[in-house]
Amino acid sequence: MNKQITKLTLLASLGMSASVALAQVPNNDGYLFDTRGVVARSGFGLCWKTTRWTPAMAIAECDPELVKKPEPPKPATPPAATPKPAAQKVTLAADALFDFDKAVLRPEGKAKLDDVTGKLKGMKLEVIIAVGHTDRIGSDKYNQKLSEKRAEAVKAHLVGKGVEPNRIYTEGKGEKQSVTGDKCGKSDKKSKKLIECLQPDRRVEIEVIGTK
């Protein structure tokens, strides 16, 4: 009789402890927890399960084989590579651009520039760099100004063909970057022969930078 009472008391005690524990762990009533929130275990170290337990309630410390492992994050898709600017350098023949001591485009020079603007079609233009040059005849100061005027003349023509002004950078180099070198002799005395020989120095170089 006393043993039966003791057994009933123990079961009632376990039931009360389980109720208290389950109240502390409302998100999972598939297991028995003690008052500390720790899963109750049998003498064999197994977790006590309630009659409401289902595999979906499995926790890692009791049933690790039933717990779904999180899928590893998928590698981020690398951004598409942006095309690198392709430099297209165009050197315009000086004799087709300017006469001696002039910064006014000749008809042949305009045709050359029109050819350049035609090449801009199909390109995403970044910048156009126009650099003016002169021959060695004349003072450094005068030639510097003349080279700048030639570059500006080229810019004005390109703008007239629809190129945005802020896309064109102009610069003058004067007589500093001669392409004839010593081919025409060392004399600076102006003569028809010298002027003709130095013609390649009277040029405007154009560099077009953009993406195709």
C-alpha atoms as a PDB file:
ATOM      1  CA  MET A   1       0.000   0.000   0.000  1.00  0.00           C
ATOM      2  CA  ASN A   2       2.760   2.462   0.968  1.00  0.00           C
ATOM      3  CA  LYS A   3       4.721   1.545  -2.163  1.00  0.00           C
ATOM      4  CA  GLN A   4       1.736   2.288  -4.351  1.00  0.00           C
ATOM      5  CA  ILE A   5       1.194   5.668  -2.665  1.00  0.00           C
ATOM      6  CA  THR A   6       4.878   6.487  -3.103  1.00  0.00           C
ATOM      7  CA  LYS A   7       4.703   5.592  -6.795  1.00  0.00           C
ATOM      8  CA  LEU A   8       1.634   7.753  -7.356  1.00  0.00           C
ATOM      9  CA  THR A   9       3.283  10.638  -5.509  1.00  0.00           C
ATOM     10  CA  LEU A  10       6.373  10.350  -7.690  1.00  0.00           C
ATOM     11  CA  LEU A  11       4.350  10.356 -10.899  1.00  0.00           C
ATOM     12  CA  ALA A  12       2.368  13.332  -9.715  1.00  0.00           C
ATOM     13  CA  SER A  13       5.618  15.114  -8.863  1.00  0.00           C
ATOM     14  CA  LEU A  14       7.048  14.396 -12.309  1.00  0.00           C
ATOM     15  CA  GLY A  15       3.891  15.613 -13.952  1.00  0.00           C
ATOM     16  CA  MET A  16       4.002  18.869 -11.986  1.00  0.00           C
ATOM     17  CA  SER A  17       7.688  19.410 -12.803  1.00  0.00           C
ATOM     18  CA  ALA A  18       7.007  18.782 -16.469  1.00  0.00           C
ATOM     19  CA  SER A  19       4.183  21.299 -16.451  1.00  0.00           C
ATOM     20  CA  VAL A  20       6.382  23.930 -14.884  1.00  0.00           C
ATOM     21  CA  ALA A  21       9.230  23.165 -17.292  1.00  0.00           C
ATOM     22  CA  LEU A  22       6.989  23.206 -20.346  1.00  0.00           C
ATOM     23  CA  ALA A  23       5.668  26.557 -19.297  1.00  0.00           C
ATOM     24  CA  GLN A  24       9.229  27.854 -19.375  1.00  0.00           C
ATOM     25  CA  VAL A  25       9.860  26.434 -22.841  1.00  0.00           C
ATOM     26  CA  PRO A  26       6.645  27.242 -24.758  1.00  0.00           C
ATOM     27  CA  ASN A  27       8.277  26.882 -28.189  1.00  0.00           C
ATOM     28  CA  ASN A  28       8.967  23.147 -27.840  1.00  0.00           C
ATOM     29  CA  ASP A  29       6.712  20.896 -25.757  1.00  0.00           C
ATOM     30  CA  GLY A  30       8.071  17.702 -27.288  1.00  0.00           C
ATOM     31  CA  TYR A  31      10.597  17.245 -24.473  1.00  0.00           C
ATOM     32  CA  LEU A  32      10.538  17.375 -20.668  1.00  0.00           C
ATOM     33  CA  PHE A  33      12.582  20.185 -19.158  1.00  0.00           C
ATOM     34  CA  ASP A  34      13.518  20.752 -15.519  1.00  0.00           C
ATOM     35  CA  THR A  35      13.029  24.031 -13.716  1.00  0.00           C
ATOM     36  CA  ARG A  36      16.373  25.282 -15.058  1.00  0.00           C
ATOM     37  CA  GLY A  37      15.257  24.818 -18.645  1.00  0.00           C
ATOM     38  CA  VAL A  38      17.563  21.775 -19.106  1.00  0.00           C
ATOM     39  CA  VAL A  39      16.227  18.712 -20.917  1.00  0.00           C
ATOM     40  CA  ALA A  40      15.364  15.935 -18.470  1.00  0.00           C
ATOM     41  CA  ARG A  41      17.225  12.703 -19.143  1.00  0.00           C
ATOM     42  CA  SER A  42      16.774   9.064 -18.204  1.00  0.00           C
ATOM     43  CA  GLY A  43      19.302   6.986 -16.345  1.00  0.00           C
ATOM     44  CA  PHE A  44      20.734   6.003 -19.732  1.00  0.00           C
ATOM     45  CA  GLY A  45      21.250   9.647 -20.728  1.00  0.00           C
ATOM     46  CA  LEU A  46      18.334   9.696 -23.161  1.00  0.00           C
ATOM     47  CA  CYS A  47      16.127  12.770 -23.429  1.00  0.00           C
ATOM     48  CA  TRP A  48      12.618  12.440 -22.080  1.00  0.00           C
ATOM     49  CA  LYS A  49       9.994  13.005 -24.756  1.00  0.00           C
ATOM     50  CA  THR A  50       6.349  13.941 -24.231  1.00  0.00           C
ATOM     51  CA  THR A  51       3.418  12.303 -26.008  1.00  0.00           C
ATOM     52  CA  ARG A  52       3.256  15.356 -28.261  1.00  0.00           C
ATOM     53  CA  TRP A  53       6.779  14.878 -29.640  1.00  0.00           C
ATOM     54  CA  THR A  54       7.192  14.716 -33.412  1.00  0.00           C
ATOM     55  CA  PRO A  55      10.382  14.606 -35.528  1.00  0.00           C
ATOM     56  CA  ALA A  56       9.778  18.242 -36.445  1.00  0.00           C
ATOM     57  CA  MET A  57      10.387  19.141 -32.756  1.00  0.00           C
ATOM     58  CA  ALA A  58      13.810  17.469 -32.674  1.00  0.00           C
ATOM     59  CA  ILE A  59      16.623  19.479 -31.065  1.00  0.00           C
ATOM     60  CA  ALA A  60      20.318  19.048 -31.742  1.00  0.00           C
ATOM     61  CA  GLU A  61      21.370  17.954 -28.243  1.00  0.00           C
ATOM     62  CA  CYS A  62      18.847  15.080 -28.210  1.00  0.00           C
ATOM     63  CA  ASP A  63      18.246  14.031 -31.797  1.00  0.00           C
ATOM     64  CA  PRO A  64      21.014  15.584 -33.932  1.00  0.00           C
ATOM     65  CA  GLU A  65      20.329  13.223 -36.832  1.00  0.00           C
ATOM     66  CA  LEU A  66      16.824  14.645 -37.184  1.00  0.00           C
ATOM     67  CA  VAL A  67      17.824  18.289 -37.101  1.00  0.00           C
ATOM     68  CA  LYS A  68      18.174  19.861 -40.544  1.00  0.00           C
ATOM     69  CA  LYS A  69      21.529  21.450 -41.089  1.00  0.00           C
ATOM     70  CA  PRO A  70      21.416  24.926 -42.650  1.00  0.00           C
ATOM     71  CA  GLU A  71      22.419  24.966 -46.291  1.00  0.00           C
ATOM     72  CA  PRO A  72      25.737  26.701 -46.982  1.00  0.00           C
ATOM     73  CA  PRO A  73      25.302  30.161 -48.506  1.00  0.00           C
ATOM     74  CA  LYS A  74      25.515  30.214 -52.265  1.00  0.00           C
ATOM     75  CA  PRO A  75      28.566  32.006 -53.636  1.00  0.00           C
ATOM     76  CA  ALA A  76      27.794  35.516 -54.758  1.00  0.00           C
ATOM     77  CA  THR A  77      27.592  35.976 -58.492  1.00  0.00           C
ATOM     78  CA  PRO A  78      30.590  38.066 -59.569  1.00  0.00           C
ATOM     79  CA  PRO A  79      29.620  41.367 -61.166  1.00  0.00           C
ATOM     80  CA  ALA A  80      29.873  41.550 -64.906  1.00  0.00           C
ATOM     81  CA  ALA A  81      33.228  42.880 -66.021  1.00  0.00           C
ATOM     82  CA  THR A  82      33.058  46.407 -67.332  1.00  0.00           C
ATOM     83  CA  PRO A  83      34.827  46.993 -70.641  1.00  0.00           C
ATOM     84  CA  LYS A  84      38.133  48.781 -70.353  1.00  0.00           C
ATOM     85  CA  PRO A  85      38.459  52.040 -72.258  1.00  0.00           C
ATOM     86  CA  ALA A  86      40.044  51.397 -75.627  1.00  0.00           C
ATOM     87  CA  ALA A  87      42.402  54.154 -76.753  1.00  0.00           C
ATOM     88  CA  GLN A  88      42.281  54.986 -80.439  1.00  0.00           C
ATOM     89  CA  LYS A  89      44.960  57.466 -81.426  1.00  0.00           C
ATOM     90  CA  VAL A  90      44.590  59.412 -84.661  1.00  0.00           C
ATOM     91  CA  THR A  91      47.331  61.715 -85.951  1.00  0.00           C
ATOM     92  CA  LEU A  92      46.080  64.134 -88.584  1.00  0.00           C
ATOM     93  CA  ALA A  93      48.441  65.123 -91.388  1.00  0.00           C
ATOM     94  CA  ALA A  94      49.568  68.678 -90.796  1.00  0.00           C
ATOM     95  CA  ASP A  95      49.533  69.726 -94.462  1.00  0.00           C
ATOM     96  CA  ALA A  96      45.854  68.862 -94.603  1.00  0.00           C
ATOM     97  CA  LEU A  97      45.027  70.991 -91.587  1.00  0.00           C
ATOM     98  CA  PHE A  98      46.817  74.323 -91.625  1.00  0.00           C
ATOM     99  CA  ASP A  99      48.867  76.543 -93.843  1.00  0.00           C
ATOM    100  CA  PHE A 100      52.106  78.056 -92.601  1.00  0.00           C
ATOM    101  CA  ASP A 101      51.540  80.535 -89.758  1.00  0.00           C
ATOM    102  CA  LYS A 102      47.758  79.896 -89.818  1.00  0.00           C
ATOM    103  CA  ALA A 103      45.221  78.474 -87.384  1.00  0.00           C
ATOM    104  CA  VAL A 104      42.340  78.291 -89.877  1.00  0.00           C
ATOM    105  CA  LEU A 105      41.299  74.832 -91.028  1.00  0.00           C
ATOM    106  CA  ARG A 106      41.718  74.136 -94.718  1.00  0.00           C
ATOM    107  CA  PRO A 107      38.999  72.150 -96.564  1.00  0.00           C
ATOM    108  CA  GLU A 108      41.287  69.105 -96.536  1.00  0.00           C
ATOM    109  CA  GLY A 109      41.665  69.497 -92.758  1.00  0.00           C
ATOM    110  CA  LYS A 110      37.907  69.622 -92.259  1.00  0.00           C
ATOM    111  CA  ALA A 111      37.536  66.437 -94.271  1.00  0.00           C
ATOM    112  CA  LYS A 112      40.088  64.727 -92.040  1.00  0.00           C
ATOM    113  CA  LEU A 113      38.169  65.793 -88.918  1.00  0.00           C
ATOM    114  CA  ASP A 114      34.891  64.607 -90.419  1.00  0.00           C
ATOM    115  CA  ASP A 115      36.522  61.231 -90.820  1.00  0.00           C
ATOM    116  CA  VAL A 116      37.385  61.273 -87.112  1.00  0.00           C
ATOM    117  CA  THR A 117      33.808  62.080 -86.076  1.00  0.00           C
ATOM    118  CA  GLY A 118      32.628  59.226 -88.270  1.00  0.00           C
ATOM    119  CA  LYS A 119      34.838  56.848 -86.287  1.00  0.00           C
ATOM    120  CA  LEU A 120      33.135  57.972 -83.056  1.00  0.00           C
ATOM    121  CA  LYS A 121      29.901  56.256 -84.073  1.00  0.00           C
ATOM    122  CA  GLY A 122      29.415  53.061 -82.138  1.00  0.00           C
ATOM    123  CA  MET A 123      31.732  54.237 -79.360  1.00  0.00           C
ATOM    124  CA  LYS A 124      30.950  55.417 -75.865  1.00  0.00           C
ATOM    125  CA  LEU A 125      33.137  58.500 -75.894  1.00  0.00           C
ATOM    126  CA  GLU A 126      35.142  59.328 -72.780  1.00  0.00           C
ATOM    127  CA  VAL A 127      37.354  62.181 -73.936  1.00  0.00           C
ATOM    128  CA  ILE A 128      39.058  63.612 -77.005  1.00  0.00           C
ATOM    129  CA  ILE A 129      42.490  65.151 -76.499  1.00  0.00           C
ATOM    130  CA  ALA A 130      43.604  67.628 -79.175  1.00  0.00           C
ATOM    131  CA  VAL A 131      47.219  68.792 -78.984  1.00  0.00           C
ATOM    132  CA  GLY A 132      48.454  71.521 -81.319  1.00  0.00           C
ATOM    133  CA  HIS A 133      52.046  71.868 -82.589  1.00  0.00           C
ATOM    134  CA  THR A 134      54.087  74.285 -84.708  1.00  0.00           C
ATOM    135  CA  ASP A 135      57.379  74.318 -86.551  1.00  0.00           C
ATOM    136  CA  ARG A 136      60.432  76.049 -85.110  1.00  0.00           C
ATOM    137  CA  ILE A 137      60.133  79.240 -87.168  1.00  0.00           C
ATOM    138  CA  GLY A 138      59.193  82.137 -84.890  1.00  0.00           C
ATOM    139  CA  SER A 139      59.581  82.845 -81.164  1.00  0.00           C
ATOM    140  CA  ASP A 140      58.682  80.305 -78.490  1.00  0.00           C
ATOM    141  CA  LYS A 141      55.922  82.549 -77.126  1.00  0.00           C
ATOM    142  CA  TYR A 142      54.359  83.107 -80.542  1.00  0.00           C
ATOM    143  CA  ASN A 143      54.484  79.423 -81.445  1.00  0.00           C
ATOM    144  CA  GLN A 144      52.914  78.442 -78.132  1.00  0.00           C
ATOM    145  CA  LYS A 145      49.917  80.681 -78.805  1.00  0.00           C
ATOM    146  CA  LEU A 146      49.658  79.460 -82.393  1.00  0.00           C
ATOM    147  CA  SER A 147      49.637  75.805 -81.303  1.00  0.00           C
ATOM    148  CA  GLU A 148      46.833  76.526 -78.811  1.00  0.00           C
ATOM    149  CA  LYS A 149      44.779  78.279 -81.495  1.00  0.00           C
ATOM    150  CA  ARG A 150      45.171  75.302 -83.820  1.00  0.00           C
ATOM    151  CA  ALA A 151      43.942  72.927 -81.115  1.00  0.00           C
ATOM    152  CA  GLU A 152      40.966  75.207 -80.419  1.00  0.00           C
ATOM    153  CA  ALA A 153      40.143  75.329 -84.131  1.00  0.00           C
ATOM    154  CA  VAL A 154      39.955  71.547 -84.169  1.00  0.00           C
ATOM    155  CA  LYS A 155      37.724  71.565 -81.076  1.00  0.00           C
ATOM    156  CA  ALA A 156      35.354  74.101 -82.625  1.00  0.00           C
ATOM    157  CA  HIS A 157      34.948  71.933 -85.715  1.00  0.00           C
ATOM    158  CA  LEU A 158      34.284  68.786 -83.674  1.00  0.00           C
ATOM    159  CA  VAL A 159      31.699  70.602 -81.540  1.00  0.00           C
ATOM    160  CA  GLY A 160      30.028  71.757 -84.730  1.00  0.00           C
ATOM    161  CA  LYS A 161      29.721  68.076 -85.686  1.00  0.00           C
ATOM    162  CA  GLY A 162      27.881  67.221 -82.474  1.00  0.00           C
ATOM    163  CA  VAL A 163      30.662  66.334 -80.038  1.00  0.00           C
ATOM    164  CA  GLU A 164      30.019  67.651 -76.511  1.00  0.00           C
ATOM    165  CA  PRO A 165      32.430  70.516 -75.663  1.00  0.00           C
ATOM    166  CA  ASN A 166      33.165  69.108 -72.200  1.00  0.00           C
ATOM    167  CA  ARG A 167      34.427  65.917 -73.856  1.00  0.00           C
ATOM    168  CA  ILE A 168      37.226  67.732 -75.686  1.00  0.00           C
ATOM    169  CA  TYR A 169      40.489  68.741 -73.982  1.00  0.00           C
ATOM    170  CA  THR A 170      42.854  71.047 -75.845  1.00  0.00           C
ATOM    171  CA  GLU A 171      46.504  71.795 -75.285  1.00  0.00           C
ATOM    172  CA  GLY A 172      49.314  73.538 -77.134  1.00  0.00           C
ATOM    173  CA  LYS A 173      52.901  72.290 -77.224  1.00  0.00           C
ATOM    174  CA  GLY A 174      54.392  75.019 -79.414  1.00  0.00           C
ATOM    175  CA  GLU A 175      57.536  73.869 -81.177  1.00  0.00           C
ATOM    176  CA  LYS A 176      58.653  71.538 -78.357  1.00  0.00           C
ATOM    177  CA  GLN A 177      57.765  68.236 -80.000  1.00  0.00           C
ATOM    178  CA  SER A 178      59.162  68.444 -83.506  1.00  0.00           C
ATOM    179  CA  VAL A 179      58.821  65.365 -85.693  1.00  0.00           C
ATOM    180  CA  THR A 180      61.282  66.552 -88.355  1.00  0.00           C
ATOM    181  CA  GLY A 181      64.229  66.779 -85.971  1.00  0.00           C
ATOM    182  CA  ASP A 182      67.429  67.646 -87.842  1.00  0.00           C
ATOM    183  CA  LYS A 183      66.110  66.615 -91.263  1.00  0.00           C
ATOM    184  CA  CYS A 184      65.626  70.236 -92.337  1.00  0.00           C
ATOM    185  CA  GLY A 185      69.029  71.503 -91.144  1.00  0.00           C
ATOM    186  CA  LYS A 186      69.707  73.814 -88.223  1.00  0.00           C
ATOM    187  CA  SER A 187      69.026  77.141 -89.884  1.00  0.00           C
ATOM    188  CA  ASP A 188      65.922  79.074 -88.777  1.00  0.00           C
ATOM    189  CA  LYS A 189      66.071  81.492 -91.702  1.00  0.00           C
ATOM    190  CA  LYS A 190      62.602  81.512 -93.240  1.00  0.00           C
ATOM    191  CA  SER A 191      62.621  80.240 -96.802  1.00  0.00           C
ATOM    192  CA  LYS A 192      60.191  78.406 -99.017  1.00  0.00           C
ATOM    193  CA  LYS A 193      62.331  75.303 -98.882  1.00  0.00           C
ATOM    194  CA  LEU A 194      62.506  75.339 -95.053  1.00  0.00           C
ATOM    195  CA  ILE A 195      58.764  75.996 -94.724  1.00  0.00           C
ATOM    196  CA  GLU A 196      58.005  73.017 -96.942  1.00  0.00           C
ATOM    197  CA  CYS A 197      60.465  70.807 -95.070  1.00  0.00           C
ATOM    198  CA  LEU A 198      58.993  71.694 -91.654  1.00  0.00           C
ATOM    199  CA  GLN A 199      55.413  71.068 -92.781  1.00  0.00           C
ATOM    200  CA  PRO A 200      55.034  67.813 -90.691  1.00  0.00           C
ATOM    201  CA  ASP A 201      55.679  69.833 -87.511  1.00  0.00           C
ATOM    202  CA  ARG A 202      52.596  72.005 -88.121  1.00  0.00           C
ATOM    203  CA  ARG A 203      50.098  69.462 -86.883  1.00  0.00           C
ATOM    204  CA  VAL A 204      47.314  68.694 -84.439  1.00  0.00           C
ATOM    205  CA  GLU A 205      47.311  65.287 -82.824  1.00  0.00           C
ATOM    206  CA  ILE A 206      43.996  63.865 -81.688  1.00  0.00           C
ATOM    207  CA  GLU A 207      43.587  61.015 -79.208  1.00  0.00           C
ATOM    208  CA  VAL A 208      40.138  59.487 -78.879  1.00  0.00           C
ATOM    209  CA  ILE A 209      39.439  57.540 -75.692  1.00  0.00           C
ATOM    210  CA  GLY A 210      36.259  55.549 -75.221  1.00  0.00           C
ATOM    211  CA  THR A 211      34.742  52.089 -75.174  1.00  0.00           C
ATOM    212  CA  LYS A 212      33.587  50.145 -78.210  1.00  0.00           C
END
